[in-house]
Amino acid sequence: MPTVTWDSIINYTDVLPYVIPLICFLIFWNKLRKPELMLFIYFLITFVFNAISDVLGAWYKMNNVPMYHFFTLFEQWYISFYLLYKTLQVFPRKWYFIINISFTIFWAINIATMEPLTLFNSNTRAISSLILMIICLYCIYKLIGKDEEVMHIQYLPVFWITSGFLVYFALSIIIQGILKYYVLQNMNNQGRAIIISADVFIFIKCILVTIGLLFYRSEKITTLISRAN
């Protein structure tokens, strides 16, 4: 059995932040709507994925990098669907498939020619973060454009949830660029430090999503949510 040390606990900093929104999901379960249930599934899957990845990598010294290639693909399809489905009155099915099929093709080419499964997928992670960041910006723009919602936008859970993803993906682009530089320079220790520091962005995402979920407490806010949907 691996020994529990402070370093091993630090390796779980990408898991612990997800406990906060997951608890809120359970508390407000009866008030959540279908899109938020989708988000609960995403956070639960991400929590389990990060936990398994950390155990394999930190405790058993196994190569967990291939897992991140496939998780990036899952996240691209899933989060783009959630954001577009949640904020737009008419789901842009055509553009959803064009964007994500194009990304999937790039994802496969990247594995075959640039970043095999044995290397961290900084290319596809950066591109996915850019795409999802743009989708977040578009969704917030559409929310602001609704006259009946603009005065109460700060009370809408979807605003805080989308903002959480926006901040997370925007900062992820920067991190992936720095990480790519360290990899090319064979600065592995610095690269690992950057990955650990990036967990701060996960915490920010989880806090903003949690703030959004907390607005489900108010009946007045519930009425605004019903109008928004």
Protein backbone atom coordinates (compact mmCIF):
# COMPACT_ATOMS: atom_id res chain seq x y z
CA MET A 1 0.00 0.00 0.00
CA PRO A 2 1.48 3.41 -0.98
CA THR A 3 2.45 5.71 1.89
CA VAL A 4 0.28 8.78 2.43
CA THR A 5 2.45 11.91 2.45
CA TRP A 6 1.89 15.63 2.06
CA ASP A 7 3.06 15.38 -1.55
CA SER A 8 0.52 12.66 -2.25
CA ILE A 9 -2.24 14.85 -0.80
CA ILE A 10 -1.19 17.75 -3.03
CA ASN A 11 -1.63 15.45 -6.01
CA TYR A 12 -5.36 15.45 -5.28
CA THR A 13 -5.84 19.21 -5.58
CA ASP A 14 -7.58 18.66 -8.92
CA VAL A 15 -10.14 16.41 -7.20
CA LEU A 16 -11.07 18.19 -3.98
CA PRO A 17 -12.59 21.37 -5.55
CA TYR A 18 -15.29 19.29 -7.23
CA VAL A 19 -16.64 18.20 -3.86
CA ILE A 20 -18.07 21.71 -3.29
CA PRO A 21 -20.42 21.90 -6.31
CA LEU A 22 -21.31 18.22 -6.01
CA ILE A 23 -22.61 18.85 -2.49
CA CYS A 24 -24.64 21.82 -3.76
CA PHE A 25 -26.08 19.69 -6.54
CA LEU A 26 -27.32 17.21 -3.96
CA ILE A 27 -28.72 19.93 -1.67
CA PHE A 28 -30.73 21.60 -4.46
CA TRP A 29 -31.48 18.40 -6.37
CA ASN A 30 -35.26 18.90 -6.40
CA LYS A 31 -34.94 22.43 -7.80
CA LEU A 32 -32.51 21.61 -10.58
CA ARG A 33 -33.62 21.50 -14.19
CA LYS A 34 -32.49 19.14 -16.92
CA PRO A 35 -29.40 21.17 -18.03
CA GLU A 36 -28.16 21.32 -14.43
CA LEU A 37 -28.59 17.56 -14.10
CA MET A 38 -26.35 17.27 -17.17
CA LEU A 39 -23.84 19.49 -15.39
CA PHE A 40 -24.03 17.29 -12.29
CA ILE A 41 -23.14 14.27 -14.44
CA TYR A 42 -20.17 16.19 -15.89
CA PHE A 43 -18.83 17.17 -12.46
CA LEU A 44 -19.30 13.64 -11.15
CA ILE A 45 -17.48 12.12 -14.15
CA THR A 46 -14.70 14.71 -13.83
CA PHE A 47 -14.36 14.00 -10.11
CA VAL A 48 -14.07 10.25 -10.70
CA PHE A 49 -11.73 10.73 -13.68
CA ASN A 50 -9.32 12.97 -11.77
CA ALA A 51 -9.35 10.67 -8.76
CA ILE A 52 -8.52 7.61 -10.86
CA SER A 53 -5.89 9.53 -12.82
CA ASP A 54 -4.23 10.76 -9.63
CA VAL A 55 -4.19 7.31 -8.05
CA LEU A 56 -2.65 5.74 -11.15
CA GLY A 57 -0.09 8.49 -11.66
CA ALA A 58 0.90 9.58 -8.16
CA TRP A 59 0.57 6.35 -6.22
CA TYR A 60 1.23 3.59 -8.71
CA LYS A 61 3.51 5.57 -11.07
CA MET A 62 1.53 4.49 -14.12
CA ASN A 63 1.30 6.56 -17.28
CA ASN A 64 -2.09 8.26 -17.03
CA VAL A 65 -1.50 10.64 -19.95
CA PRO A 66 -3.64 8.66 -22.47
CA MET A 67 -6.66 9.25 -20.25
CA TYR A 68 -6.40 13.02 -20.77
CA HIS A 69 -6.55 12.69 -24.54
CA PHE A 70 -9.93 10.98 -24.33
CA PHE A 71 -11.24 13.18 -21.53
CA THR A 72 -10.53 16.30 -23.61
CA LEU A 73 -12.61 14.85 -26.43
CA PHE A 74 -15.44 14.00 -24.04
CA GLU A 75 -15.34 17.45 -22.45
CA GLN A 76 -15.41 19.19 -25.83
CA TRP A 77 -18.59 17.42 -26.95
CA TYR A 78 -20.33 17.44 -23.58
CA ILE A 79 -19.70 20.99 -22.36
CA SER A 80 -20.38 22.58 -25.75
CA PHE A 81 -23.73 20.75 -25.81
CA TYR A 82 -24.58 21.87 -22.28
CA LEU A 83 -23.73 25.53 -22.88
CA LEU A 84 -25.58 25.79 -26.19
CA TYR A 85 -28.58 23.81 -24.97
CA LYS A 86 -28.83 25.85 -21.77
CA THR A 87 -28.51 29.39 -23.12
CA LEU A 88 -29.94 29.33 -26.66
CA GLN A 89 -33.65 29.06 -27.42
CA VAL A 90 -32.95 27.07 -30.59
CA PHE A 91 -30.16 24.51 -30.34
CA PRO A 92 -27.73 25.04 -33.29
CA ARG A 93 -27.50 21.35 -34.18
CA LYS A 94 -25.69 21.96 -37.48
CA TRP A 95 -22.94 24.13 -35.98
CA TYR A 96 -22.62 21.86 -32.97
CA PHE A 97 -21.75 18.89 -35.16
CA ILE A 98 -19.57 20.87 -37.58
CA ILE A 99 -17.45 22.29 -34.74
CA ASN A 100 -17.10 19.07 -32.79
CA ILE A 101 -16.57 16.74 -35.74
CA SER A 102 -13.86 19.11 -37.00
CA PHE A 103 -12.28 19.08 -33.56
CA THR A 104 -12.45 15.28 -33.42
CA ILE A 105 -10.63 15.05 -36.75
CA PHE A 106 -7.93 17.39 -35.44
CA TRP A 107 -7.80 15.35 -32.22
CA ALA A 108 -7.12 12.15 -34.18
CA ILE A 109 -4.53 13.82 -36.44
CA ASN A 110 -2.77 15.27 -33.39
CA ILE A 111 -2.44 11.82 -31.83
CA ALA A 112 -1.22 10.29 -35.08
CA THR A 113 1.33 12.96 -36.01
CA MET A 114 2.20 15.33 -33.15
CA GLU A 115 1.22 14.18 -29.67
CA PRO A 116 0.81 10.40 -29.34
CA LEU A 117 -1.08 8.92 -26.42
CA THR A 118 2.17 8.72 -24.45
CA LEU A 119 2.53 12.54 -24.45
CA PHE A 120 0.31 15.12 -22.77
CA ASN A 121 -2.24 16.56 -25.20
CA SER A 122 -1.40 20.26 -24.89
CA ASN A 123 -2.39 20.95 -28.52
CA THR A 124 -5.91 19.55 -28.39
CA ARG A 125 -6.40 20.86 -24.86
CA ALA A 126 -5.53 24.39 -25.96
CA ILE A 127 -7.75 24.25 -29.07
CA SER A 128 -10.65 22.79 -27.10
CA SER A 129 -10.27 25.48 -24.43
CA LEU A 130 -10.30 28.16 -27.13
CA ILE A 131 -13.45 26.76 -28.74
CA LEU A 132 -15.28 26.41 -25.44
CA MET A 133 -14.16 29.88 -24.34
CA ILE A 134 -15.66 31.38 -27.50
CA ILE A 135 -18.88 29.43 -26.92
CA CYS A 136 -19.00 30.78 -23.34
CA LEU A 137 -18.57 34.34 -24.61
CA TYR A 138 -21.31 33.83 -27.18
CA CYS A 139 -23.69 32.39 -24.59
CA ILE A 140 -23.10 35.30 -22.19
CA TYR A 141 -23.64 37.70 -25.09
CA LYS A 142 -26.99 36.05 -25.83
CA LEU A 143 -27.98 36.30 -22.16
CA ILE A 144 -27.12 40.00 -22.04
CA GLY A 145 -29.08 40.52 -25.24
CA LYS A 146 -32.35 39.42 -23.62
CA ASP A 147 -34.11 42.55 -22.34
CA GLU A 148 -36.10 40.68 -19.70
CA GLU A 149 -32.95 39.12 -18.25
CA VAL A 150 -30.25 41.78 -18.48
CA MET A 151 -31.43 43.55 -15.30
CA HIS A 152 -31.32 40.29 -13.32
CA ILE A 153 -28.47 38.49 -15.04
CA GLN A 154 -26.38 38.45 -11.86
CA TYR A 155 -29.08 36.32 -10.22
CA LEU A 156 -29.23 33.70 -12.96
CA PRO A 157 -27.36 30.45 -12.22
CA VAL A 158 -26.51 30.05 -15.90
CA PHE A 159 -24.59 33.36 -15.84
CA TRP A 160 -22.34 32.24 -12.98
CA ILE A 161 -21.95 28.73 -14.34
CA THR A 162 -21.01 29.97 -17.81
CA SER A 163 -18.66 32.55 -16.28
CA GLY A 164 -16.95 29.78 -14.32
CA PHE A 165 -16.28 27.84 -17.49
CA LEU A 166 -15.22 31.02 -19.31
CA VAL A 167 -12.56 31.86 -16.73
CA TYR A 168 -11.39 28.25 -16.54
CA PHE A 169 -10.98 27.75 -20.28
CA ALA A 170 -9.43 31.19 -20.84
CA LEU A 171 -6.77 30.52 -18.22
CA SER A 172 -6.29 26.98 -19.51
CA ILE A 173 -5.19 28.37 -22.88
CA ILE A 174 -2.38 30.28 -21.17
CA ILE A 175 -1.36 27.25 -19.12
CA GLN A 176 -1.25 24.99 -22.17
CA GLY A 177 0.98 27.48 -23.98
CA ILE A 178 3.42 27.63 -21.06
CA LEU A 179 3.31 23.85 -20.65
CA LYS A 180 4.05 23.34 -24.34
CA TYR A 181 7.12 25.57 -24.04
CA TYR A 182 8.42 23.62 -21.05
CA VAL A 183 7.88 20.32 -22.85
CA LEU A 184 9.79 21.51 -25.91
CA GLN A 185 12.62 22.71 -23.65
CA ASN A 186 12.64 19.41 -21.71
CA MET A 187 11.88 21.31 -18.50
CA ASN A 188 9.80 18.52 -16.99
CA ASN A 189 9.91 19.69 -13.37
CA GLN A 190 8.65 23.14 -14.30
CA GLY A 191 5.96 21.53 -16.43
CA ARG A 192 4.71 19.46 -13.50
CA ALA A 193 4.67 22.59 -11.31
CA ILE A 194 2.56 24.39 -13.90
CA ILE A 195 0.08 21.52 -14.03
CA ILE A 196 -0.30 21.57 -10.24
CA SER A 197 -0.70 25.37 -10.16
CA ALA A 198 -3.42 25.07 -12.81
CA ASP A 199 -5.57 23.38 -10.18
CA VAL A 200 -6.27 26.88 -8.88
CA PHE A 201 -8.32 27.45 -12.03
CA ILE A 202 -10.35 24.34 -11.25
CA PHE A 203 -11.10 25.81 -7.83
CA ILE A 204 -12.24 29.10 -9.41
CA LYS A 205 -14.51 27.22 -11.82
CA CYS A 206 -16.05 25.19 -9.02
CA ILE A 207 -16.60 28.26 -6.82
CA LEU A 208 -18.37 30.21 -9.60
CA VAL A 209 -20.54 27.21 -10.46
CA THR A 210 -21.38 26.81 -6.77
CA ILE A 211 -22.39 30.48 -6.55
CA GLY A 212 -24.75 29.87 -9.46
CA LEU A 213 -26.26 26.84 -7.78
CA LEU A 214 -26.82 28.79 -4.55
CA PHE A 215 -29.29 31.06 -6.35
CA TYR A 216 -31.68 28.12 -6.54
CA ARG A 217 -32.48 28.80 -2.86
CA SER A 218 -34.74 31.77 -3.64
CA GLU A 219 -38.28 31.41 -4.99
CA LYS A 220 -37.90 34.79 -6.70
CA ILE A 221 -34.79 33.58 -8.45
CA THR A 222 -36.58 30.35 -9.38
CA THR A 223 -39.19 32.48 -11.18
CA LEU A 224 -36.45 34.29 -13.11
CA ILE A 225 -34.91 30.94 -14.01
CA SER A 226 -38.24 29.71 -15.36
CA ARG A 227 -38.51 32.77 -17.58
CA ALA A 228 -34.92 32.31 -18.76
CA ASN A 229 -35.65 28.74 -19.79
